[in-house]
Protein backbone atom coordinates (compact mmCIF):
# COMPACT_ATOMS: atom_id res chain seq x y z
CA MET A 1 0.02 0.06 0.09
CA ILE A 2 1.39 3.46 -1.01
CA GLU A 3 1.28 6.03 1.74
CA LEU A 4 -0.49 9.26 0.23
CA THR A 5 -0.76 12.71 1.15
CA GLU A 6 -3.95 14.73 1.16
CA THR A 7 -2.71 16.53 -1.92
CA ASP A 8 -2.17 13.12 -3.52
CA TRP A 9 -5.80 12.21 -2.86
CA GLN A 10 -7.08 15.45 -4.17
CA LEU A 11 -5.11 14.74 -7.42
CA LEU A 12 -6.52 11.20 -7.56
CA ARG A 13 -10.05 12.39 -7.12
CA GLY A 14 -9.68 14.55 -10.16
CA GLU A 15 -10.07 17.89 -8.22
CA ARG A 16 -7.19 19.42 -10.02
CA GLY A 17 -8.08 17.97 -13.42
CA GLN A 18 -8.18 14.83 -15.29
CA ALA A 19 -4.63 14.91 -16.51
CA PRO A 20 -2.97 14.98 -13.16
CA ALA A 21 -5.24 12.33 -11.97
CA LEU A 22 -4.36 10.00 -14.71
CA ALA A 23 -0.66 10.80 -14.10
CA LEU A 24 -0.75 10.18 -10.51
CA ARG A 25 -2.59 6.74 -10.86
CA ILE A 26 0.15 5.71 -13.26
CA LEU A 27 2.85 6.80 -10.67
CA VAL A 28 1.05 5.18 -7.70
CA ARG A 29 1.10 1.84 -9.75
CA SER A 30 4.64 2.33 -10.69
CA ALA A 31 5.84 3.11 -7.20
CA ALA A 32 4.20 -0.21 -6.02
CA LEU A 33 6.23 -2.17 -8.65
CA MET A 34 9.47 -0.33 -7.69
CA GLY A 35 8.96 -1.19 -4.13
CA ALA A 36 8.42 2.32 -2.78
CA SER A 37 5.88 2.84 0.13
CA ARG A 38 5.36 6.52 -0.63
CA LEU A 39 6.08 9.41 -3.03
CA LEU A 40 8.33 12.28 -2.65
CA ASN A 41 8.23 15.89 -3.92
CA ILE A 42 10.53 16.73 -6.97
CA GLU A 43 11.92 20.05 -7.92
CA GLY A 44 12.33 19.41 -11.71
CA ALA A 45 11.87 17.04 -14.50
CA HIS A 46 13.48 16.23 -17.94
CA ILE A 47 11.37 14.59 -20.49
CA ASP A 48 12.48 11.93 -22.98
CA GLY A 49 9.16 11.08 -24.54
CA CYS A 50 9.27 13.96 -27.05
CA LEU A 51 11.31 11.74 -29.34
CA TYR A 52 8.77 10.14 -31.62
CA HIS A 53 8.60 6.29 -31.43
CA GLY A 54 5.05 5.79 -32.74
CA GLN A 55 1.37 6.62 -32.39
CA ALA A 56 0.93 5.58 -28.98
CA SER A 57 3.43 8.20 -27.55
CA LEU A 58 1.46 10.85 -29.60
CA ASP A 59 -1.89 9.57 -28.32
CA PHE A 60 -0.68 9.59 -24.73
CA VAL A 61 0.65 13.16 -24.73
CA GLU A 62 -2.18 14.68 -26.79
CA ARG A 63 -4.66 13.16 -24.30
CA LEU A 64 -2.99 14.82 -21.52
CA VAL A 65 -3.20 18.19 -23.54
CA ARG A 66 -6.93 17.85 -24.23
CA ASP A 67 -7.48 17.14 -20.38
CA GLY A 68 -5.85 20.44 -19.70
CA GLY A 69 -2.52 19.02 -18.21
CA LYS A 70 0.22 21.54 -17.24
CA VAL A 71 3.66 20.59 -15.54
CA MET A 72 3.81 21.35 -11.92
CA VAL A 73 7.70 21.76 -11.75
CA PRO A 74 10.21 23.27 -14.17
CA THR A 75 10.59 20.75 -17.05
CA THR A 76 12.97 20.47 -19.79
CA LEU A 77 12.80 18.64 -22.96
CA ASN A 78 15.13 15.95 -24.40
CA VAL A 79 15.89 15.77 -28.12
CA GLY A 80 12.99 15.28 -30.44
CA SER A 81 12.91 13.72 -33.92
CA LEU A 82 13.49 17.02 -35.86
CA ASP A 83 15.68 19.99 -35.91
CA LEU A 84 13.15 22.64 -35.68
CA MET A 85 15.75 25.37 -36.25
CA HIS A 86 17.17 23.84 -39.40
CA PRO A 87 14.05 21.91 -40.93
CA GLU A 88 15.92 21.62 -44.19
CA LEU A 89 18.23 18.99 -42.84
CA PHE A 90 15.57 16.32 -42.36
CA ARG A 91 15.75 13.68 -44.99
CA GLY A 92 12.98 11.23 -43.82
CA ASP A 93 9.31 10.38 -44.56
CA LYS A 94 7.04 13.36 -44.49
CA ALA A 95 4.40 11.79 -42.50
CA LEU A 96 6.89 10.89 -39.79
CA GLN A 97 8.05 14.53 -39.92
CA SER A 98 4.48 15.61 -39.26
CA GLN A 99 3.83 13.23 -36.39
CA ALA A 100 7.19 14.14 -34.71
CA ARG A 101 6.45 17.71 -35.02
CA ARG A 102 2.98 17.36 -33.33
CA LEU A 103 4.60 15.32 -30.41
CA MET A 104 7.15 18.02 -29.91
CA ASP A 105 4.43 20.81 -29.98
CA ALA A 106 2.26 18.86 -27.60
CA HIS A 107 4.86 18.79 -24.96
CA LEU A 108 5.21 22.48 -25.24
CA ALA A 109 1.46 22.81 -24.86
CA LEU A 110 1.91 21.06 -21.55
CA GLY A 111 4.24 23.83 -20.36
CA CYS A 112 7.55 22.15 -20.96
CA GLU A 113 10.50 24.32 -21.91
CA SER A 114 11.58 24.13 -25.60
CA THR A 115 15.04 23.14 -24.68
CA PHE A 116 15.29 19.85 -26.83
CA THR A 117 18.60 18.82 -25.66
CA CYS A 118 20.04 15.62 -24.09
CA ALA A 119 22.36 17.68 -21.95
CA PRO A 120 19.99 19.82 -19.60
CA TYR A 121 22.93 20.08 -17.32
CA GLN A 122 24.50 22.50 -19.81
CA LEU A 123 21.52 25.04 -19.42
CA LYS A 124 21.67 28.10 -17.36
CA ASN A 125 19.83 26.50 -14.26
CA ARG A 126 21.44 23.30 -13.32
CA PRO A 127 20.44 21.08 -10.32
CA ARG A 128 22.26 21.49 -7.00
CA PRO A 129 23.43 18.54 -4.86
CA GLY A 130 20.91 16.55 -3.28
CA GLN A 131 18.03 18.02 -5.28
CA GLN A 132 15.28 15.52 -6.05
CA LEU A 133 14.54 15.19 -9.82
CA ALA A 134 12.55 12.91 -12.21
CA TRP A 135 14.94 12.84 -15.27
CA ALA A 136 14.94 10.66 -18.47
CA GLU A 137 17.60 10.39 -20.93
CA SER A 138 20.44 8.11 -19.80
CA ASN A 139 23.28 10.43 -20.15
CA ALA A 140 21.49 13.21 -18.42
CA ILE A 141 20.49 10.87 -15.56
CA VAL A 142 24.11 9.61 -14.94
CA PHE A 143 25.59 13.18 -15.06
CA ALA A 144 22.80 14.53 -12.72
CA ASN A 145 23.44 11.86 -10.10
CA SER A 146 27.37 11.47 -10.57
CA VAL A 147 28.67 14.96 -11.54
CA LEU A 148 26.12 17.27 -9.97
CA GLY A 149 25.12 15.07 -6.93
CA ALA A 150 21.45 15.53 -7.64
CA ARG A 151 19.20 12.49 -7.22
CA THR A 152 17.00 10.68 -9.86
CA ASN A 153 16.22 7.23 -10.89
CA ARG A 154 16.18 6.20 -14.45
CA TYR A 155 12.93 7.32 -15.55
CA GLY A 156 11.58 6.23 -18.96
CA ASP A 157 8.92 7.64 -21.37
CA PHE A 158 5.55 8.46 -19.77
CA ILE A 159 6.68 8.07 -16.09
CA ASP A 160 8.86 11.11 -16.55
CA LEU A 161 5.98 13.22 -17.76
CA CYS A 162 3.66 11.86 -14.97
CA ALA A 163 6.17 13.02 -12.34
CA ALA A 164 6.24 16.51 -14.00
CA LEU A 165 2.48 16.81 -14.21
CA THR A 166 2.23 16.00 -10.54
CA GLY A 167 5.43 17.32 -8.84
CA ARG A 168 5.78 13.62 -7.37
CA ALA A 169 7.90 10.65 -7.89
CA PRO A 170 8.49 7.22 -6.09
CA ASP A 171 10.59 7.47 -2.90
CA CYS A 172 13.09 4.67 -3.82
CA GLY A 173 16.22 3.96 -5.64
CA LEU A 174 18.73 6.59 -6.19
CA HIS A 175 16.51 9.12 -4.48
CA VAL A 176 17.57 7.50 -1.17
CA ALA A 177 20.98 8.25 0.32
CA GLU A 178 21.87 4.70 1.33
CA ASN A 179 21.24 3.33 -2.10
CA ARG A 180 23.89 5.67 -3.65
CA TYR A 181 27.01 4.01 -2.38
CA GLY A 182 29.35 2.30 -4.76
CA GLN A 183 29.16 -1.49 -5.31
CA LEU A 184 32.07 -2.28 -7.77
CA VAL A 185 35.60 -0.69 -8.07
CA PHE A 186 37.45 -0.09 -11.25
CA ALA A 187 41.07 0.78 -10.65
CA LEU A 188 42.87 2.41 -13.51
CA ALA A 189 46.51 1.35 -14.08
CA ASP A 190 47.89 3.73 -16.45
CA PHE A 191 45.09 5.90 -17.87
CA PRO A 192 46.20 8.58 -20.44
CA SER A 193 46.89 11.96 -18.64
CA VAL A 194 47.91 14.40 -21.39
CA ARG A 195 44.95 16.83 -22.27
CA GLY A 196 44.09 17.32 -25.91
CA SER A 197 44.32 13.60 -26.96
CA ARG A 198 42.64 11.64 -24.25
CA ASP A 199 38.80 12.20 -24.90
CA ILE A 200 38.54 8.98 -26.60
CA TRP A 201 39.86 7.12 -23.61
CA TYR A 202 37.05 8.55 -21.29
CA ALA A 203 34.50 7.21 -23.94
CA ALA A 204 36.24 3.80 -24.06
CA LEU A 205 36.44 3.60 -20.32
CA GLY A 206 32.67 4.31 -19.98
CA LEU A 207 32.02 1.61 -22.45
CA LEU A 208 34.05 -0.90 -20.39
CA VAL A 209 32.60 0.10 -17.20
CA GLY A 210 29.04 -0.23 -18.39
CA GLN A 211 29.69 -3.57 -19.83
CA ARG A 212 31.24 -4.92 -16.59
CA ALA A 213 29.03 -3.05 -14.08
CA GLY A 214 25.69 -3.66 -15.69
CA GLY A 215 23.23 -2.20 -13.15
CA LEU A 216 25.80 -1.89 -10.26
CA ILE A 217 27.12 1.57 -9.08
CA PRO A 218 30.88 1.69 -10.16
CA VAL A 219 33.53 3.44 -8.33
CA ILE A 220 36.58 4.54 -10.39
CA THR A 221 40.07 5.26 -8.99
CA GLY A 222 42.87 6.65 -10.88
CA LEU A 223 41.42 9.39 -13.12
CA PRO A 224 43.55 12.43 -13.63
CA PRO A 225 42.77 15.05 -10.96
CA ASP A 226 42.13 17.66 -13.75
CA THR A 227 39.30 15.59 -15.38
CA SER A 228 36.85 17.96 -16.86
CA GLU A 229 32.92 17.88 -16.73
CA ASP A 230 33.02 17.18 -20.52
CA GLU A 231 35.28 14.11 -19.88
CA LEU A 232 32.93 12.92 -17.11
CA LYS A 233 30.01 13.52 -19.51
CA ALA A 234 31.47 11.26 -22.22
CA LEU A 235 32.34 8.59 -19.62
CA GLY A 236 28.82 8.54 -18.25
CA ALA A 237 27.07 8.58 -21.44
CA ALA A 238 29.00 5.66 -22.69
CA ALA A 239 28.55 3.67 -19.46
CA ALA A 240 24.74 4.39 -19.67
CA SER A 241 24.80 3.04 -23.17
CA SER A 242 26.72 -0.23 -22.85
CA GLY A 243 25.17 -0.95 -19.29
CA ALA A 244 22.55 0.36 -17.02
CA VAL A 245 24.68 2.74 -15.06
CA ALA A 246 22.74 5.59 -13.54
CA LEU A 247 25.49 6.67 -11.14
CA PHE A 248 29.25 6.43 -10.85
CA HIS A 249 31.69 7.73 -8.42
CA ALA A 250 35.15 9.05 -9.54
CA VAL A 251 37.36 9.08 -6.29
CA GLY A 252 38.69 12.57 -5.71
CA ILE A 253 36.53 14.21 -8.50
CA THR A 254 32.90 13.66 -8.07
CA PRO A 255 30.98 15.21 -5.05
CA GLU A 256 29.98 11.94 -3.26
CA ALA A 257 33.40 10.36 -3.53
CA PRO A 258 36.20 12.51 -1.70
CA ASN A 259 37.85 9.03 -1.01
CA LEU A 260 37.36 5.46 -1.72
CA ALA A 261 35.73 4.73 1.79
CA ALA A 262 33.16 7.48 1.42
CA ALA A 263 32.23 6.46 -2.14
CA LEU A 264 31.64 2.82 -0.77
CA GLY A 265 29.73 4.00 2.40
CA GLY A 266 32.23 1.95 4.33
CA ARG A 267 30.85 -1.13 2.85
CA ARG A 268 32.78 -3.90 1.00
CA PRO A 269 32.24 -3.90 -2.81
CA LEU A 270 29.96 -6.67 -4.13
CA ALA A 271 32.75 -8.14 -6.51
CA ALA A 272 36.50 -8.16 -6.86
CA THR A 273 38.12 -4.90 -8.10
CA VAL A 274 38.38 -4.67 -11.98
CA VAL A 275 41.84 -3.34 -12.89
CA VAL A 276 41.62 -1.46 -16.13
CA THR A 277 44.87 -1.35 -18.26
CA ARG A 278 45.54 0.83 -21.30
CA ASP A 279 45.50 -2.36 -23.30
CA ALA A 280 41.97 -3.09 -22.07
CA LEU A 281 40.83 0.50 -23.21
CA LYS A 282 42.43 -0.21 -26.67
CA SER A 283 40.54 -3.41 -26.93
CA THR A 284 37.26 -1.70 -26.03
CA ARG A 285 37.72 1.02 -28.53
CA ALA A 286 38.76 -1.51 -31.38
CA ALA A 287 35.47 -3.42 -30.68
CA LEU A 288 33.32 -0.50 -31.98
CA ASN A 289 35.87 0.80 -34.57
CA ARG A 290 35.28 -0.45 -38.14
CA ALA A 291 38.04 1.54 -39.71
CA ARG A 292 41.73 1.28 -40.54
CA ALA A 293 43.94 4.08 -41.20
CA GLY A 294 43.57 5.32 -44.68
CA ASP A 295 40.03 4.09 -45.19
CA SER A 296 37.80 6.59 -47.05
CA LEU A 297 35.43 8.69 -44.87
CA VAL A 298 32.01 10.06 -45.85
CA ALA A 299 31.17 12.11 -42.66
CA VAL A 300 32.03 13.06 -39.15
CA SER A 301 29.53 13.45 -36.32
CA VAL A 302 30.44 14.66 -32.97
CA GLY A 303 28.27 16.09 -29.94
CA THR A 304 26.50 13.04 -28.49
CA PRO A 305 25.82 14.10 -25.83
CA HIS A 306 25.27 17.59 -27.01
CA PHE A 307 28.54 19.77 -27.43
CA SER A 308 29.40 22.34 -24.80
CA LEU A 309 30.94 25.79 -25.30
CA ALA A 310 34.23 24.30 -24.07
CA GLU A 311 34.01 21.48 -26.57
CA PHE A 312 33.30 23.97 -29.48
CA ALA A 313 36.29 25.98 -28.43
CA ALA A 314 38.41 22.78 -28.68
CA LEU A 315 36.91 22.21 -32.01
CA GLU A 316 37.78 25.48 -33.30
CA HIS A 317 41.28 25.10 -32.25
CA GLU A 318 41.70 21.81 -33.96
CA LEU A 319 40.17 23.29 -37.10
CA ASP A 320 42.66 26.21 -36.97
CA ALA A 321 45.63 23.77 -36.55
CA ALA A 322 44.48 21.47 -39.37
CA PRO A 323 46.46 21.34 -42.59
CA GLY A 324 43.38 22.32 -44.86
CA PRO A 325 39.72 22.71 -45.11
CA LEU A 326 37.14 20.05 -44.38
CA ARG A 327 36.72 17.50 -47.18
CA VAL A 328 33.75 15.67 -45.79
CA ASP A 329 30.39 16.75 -44.06
CA PHE A 330 31.17 17.44 -40.42
CA TYR A 331 28.08 17.45 -38.11
CA VAL A 332 27.93 18.85 -34.61
CA ASN A 333 24.98 18.23 -32.39
CA THR A 334 24.16 20.82 -29.69
CA SER A 335 21.45 22.67 -27.95
CA ARG A 336 19.67 25.95 -28.92
CA PHE A 337 21.13 27.43 -25.73
CA ILE A 338 24.74 26.75 -26.73
CA LEU A 339 24.00 27.84 -30.27
CA TRP A 340 22.72 31.05 -29.20
CA GLN A 341 25.83 31.81 -27.21
CA LEU A 342 28.00 30.78 -30.17
CA GLU A 343 26.09 33.04 -32.52
CA ALA A 344 26.50 35.91 -30.06
CA SER A 345 30.18 35.36 -30.00
CA GLY A 346 30.65 34.94 -33.65
CA ALA A 347 31.82 31.38 -33.27
CA ALA A 348 28.90 29.92 -34.90
CA GLN A 349 29.35 31.88 -38.01
CA ARG A 350 33.13 31.14 -38.13
CA LEU A 351 32.33 27.38 -37.91
CA MET A 352 29.66 27.31 -40.50
CA ARG A 353 31.94 29.30 -42.87
CA GLY A 354 34.54 26.67 -42.27
CA GLY A 355 32.07 23.82 -43.41
CA VAL A 356 30.69 22.73 -40.05
CA GLN A 357 27.05 21.83 -39.97
CA ILE A 358 25.43 22.64 -36.50
CA VAL A 359 22.55 20.49 -35.65
CA THR A 360 20.03 21.43 -32.89
CA ASP A 361 17.03 19.85 -31.26
CA THR A 362 17.88 16.15 -32.15
CA CYS A 363 20.90 14.09 -32.90
CA THR A 364 22.28 12.41 -36.03
CA TYR A 365 22.21 8.99 -34.75
CA ILE A 366 18.41 8.83 -34.14
CA THR A 367 17.25 11.50 -37.02
CA PRO A 368 17.76 10.98 -40.87
CA ILE A 369 20.13 14.01 -41.29
CA ILE A 370 23.45 12.82 -42.50
CA ARG A 371 23.67 12.93 -46.15
CA HIS A 372 25.80 10.04 -46.91
CA THR A 373 25.44 6.94 -44.80
CA ARG A 374 26.98 4.42 -47.03
CA GLY A 375 30.56 4.21 -45.89
CA LEU A 376 32.45 5.25 -42.76
CA VAL A 377 31.20 7.82 -40.35
CA MET A 378 33.65 9.11 -37.69
CA THR A 379 32.74 10.11 -34.19
CA ASN A 380 34.39 10.62 -30.77
CA SER A 381 31.20 9.60 -28.91
CA GLY A 382 30.97 6.15 -27.37
CA LYS A 383 27.24 6.58 -27.20
CA TRP A 384 27.14 7.39 -30.94
CA ALA A 385 29.39 4.60 -32.00
CA HIS A 386 27.28 2.17 -29.69
CA TYR A 387 23.82 3.10 -31.34
CA ALA A 388 24.39 4.42 -34.79
CA PRO A 389 25.18 1.17 -36.73
CA ALA A 390 21.80 -0.33 -35.70
CA ASN A 391 19.93 3.00 -35.82
CA ILE A 392 20.94 4.44 -39.18
CA GLY A 393 23.00 1.70 -40.72
CA VAL A 394 26.42 3.28 -40.68
CA GLU A 395 29.75 1.93 -40.23
CA VAL A 396 31.80 3.66 -37.52
CA ALA A 397 35.39 5.03 -37.18
CA PHE A 398 35.92 5.75 -33.53
CA GLY A 399 38.55 8.32 -32.63
CA GLY A 400 39.16 11.33 -30.67
CA LEU A 401 38.26 14.94 -31.59
CA ARG A 402 41.73 15.61 -33.08
CA GLU A 403 41.40 12.39 -35.05
CA CYS A 404 37.92 13.39 -36.19
CA VAL A 405 39.16 16.85 -37.52
CA GLN A 406 42.42 15.54 -39.00
CA SER A 407 40.44 12.74 -40.87
CA ALA A 408 37.72 15.23 -42.13
CA VAL A 409 40.51 17.38 -43.75
CA ARG A 410 42.14 14.32 -45.29
CA GLY A 411 38.90 12.63 -46.41
CA LYS A 412 40.48 9.47 -45.03
CA VAL A 413 40.66 7.97 -41.54
CA TRP A 414 43.63 9.20 -39.57
CA PHE A 415 44.66 7.73 -36.24
CA ASP A 416 47.24 9.41 -34.00
CA GLU A 417 49.64 6.44 -33.42
CA ARG A 418 51.16 8.19 -30.42
């Protein structure tokens, strides 16, 4: 039996409308299945269901709109199936395009913010440590829990929106402090420490951690102390793609892991420590890489998760240092919020003049945007490399940002053998 407040009962009785009544009924049933005895208040939500997967998703959200639903907490939106700012990029079915647009519009009608980004933690207002959230989108969940120290479970489509419409979520899982301690230790033996060429190894590490940890909470020792948020973003996104990781602790770096004992909560790990060597990282990278040096390239896609301002600055630096202009299509996925800042500084205009295509509101591994998909497409994203072959039928060359740029100006795959 779920313990409910008087406000919960008012919602269930429909005293505040039919949409929140439906949403809370779904939440109560979900809470029971998740083993929660009560609901808790949340202060924000991030919704994944604005990405069109079929008629059922559109029917559900449009029903909530017809019933007068409005979100009760600040609510951001994950990527949709379209780049609404650059509609000419869409290369798919017109009927699908129409349905996808209706779904995105329906979420806006519910009062969600038109963020359309998989990286809501890069927006102006970021969650604070300990703040209770209902976030969907795997990389956003793991970043919020791990890097920001906020608290959210892995919420899927519809449940996230139900939480936003009621301001409530099941009180269980990673919302609870005692459930957030690490369970499996990964000890890095010789992780690359030189900035500028190590981004690929954070993605490879994330893939390895996800594969080995599954749904356990990993604790990572041995990361460079100057590890950046973008590097942690790449690590978490990859771990959430290859496994079910929703929280990791990087000892001495992330907020709940000042030391190993604190990360483990004074408990013993559930399994033996996994020692991660550089050779193991190379093997993980090789498992997703379908290219050899010198192979012809048809495109590059980066920004999965969405590129930050710092990553755009790094991209400009690599382009300035490159031996020539881009010879293949070069796509960068980012948010409207980041794009507006790039436009204000003039960086967006410089990048576009240099041949870079900036994509907003969606991502190239889920939406038909890339012009040429027969052949190798290069990425520095573990998540993109993991999902794109099945989603859009491409073969992947997997390398760091510098390798992506150098390959793009050559028109052939180039790997930094150093």
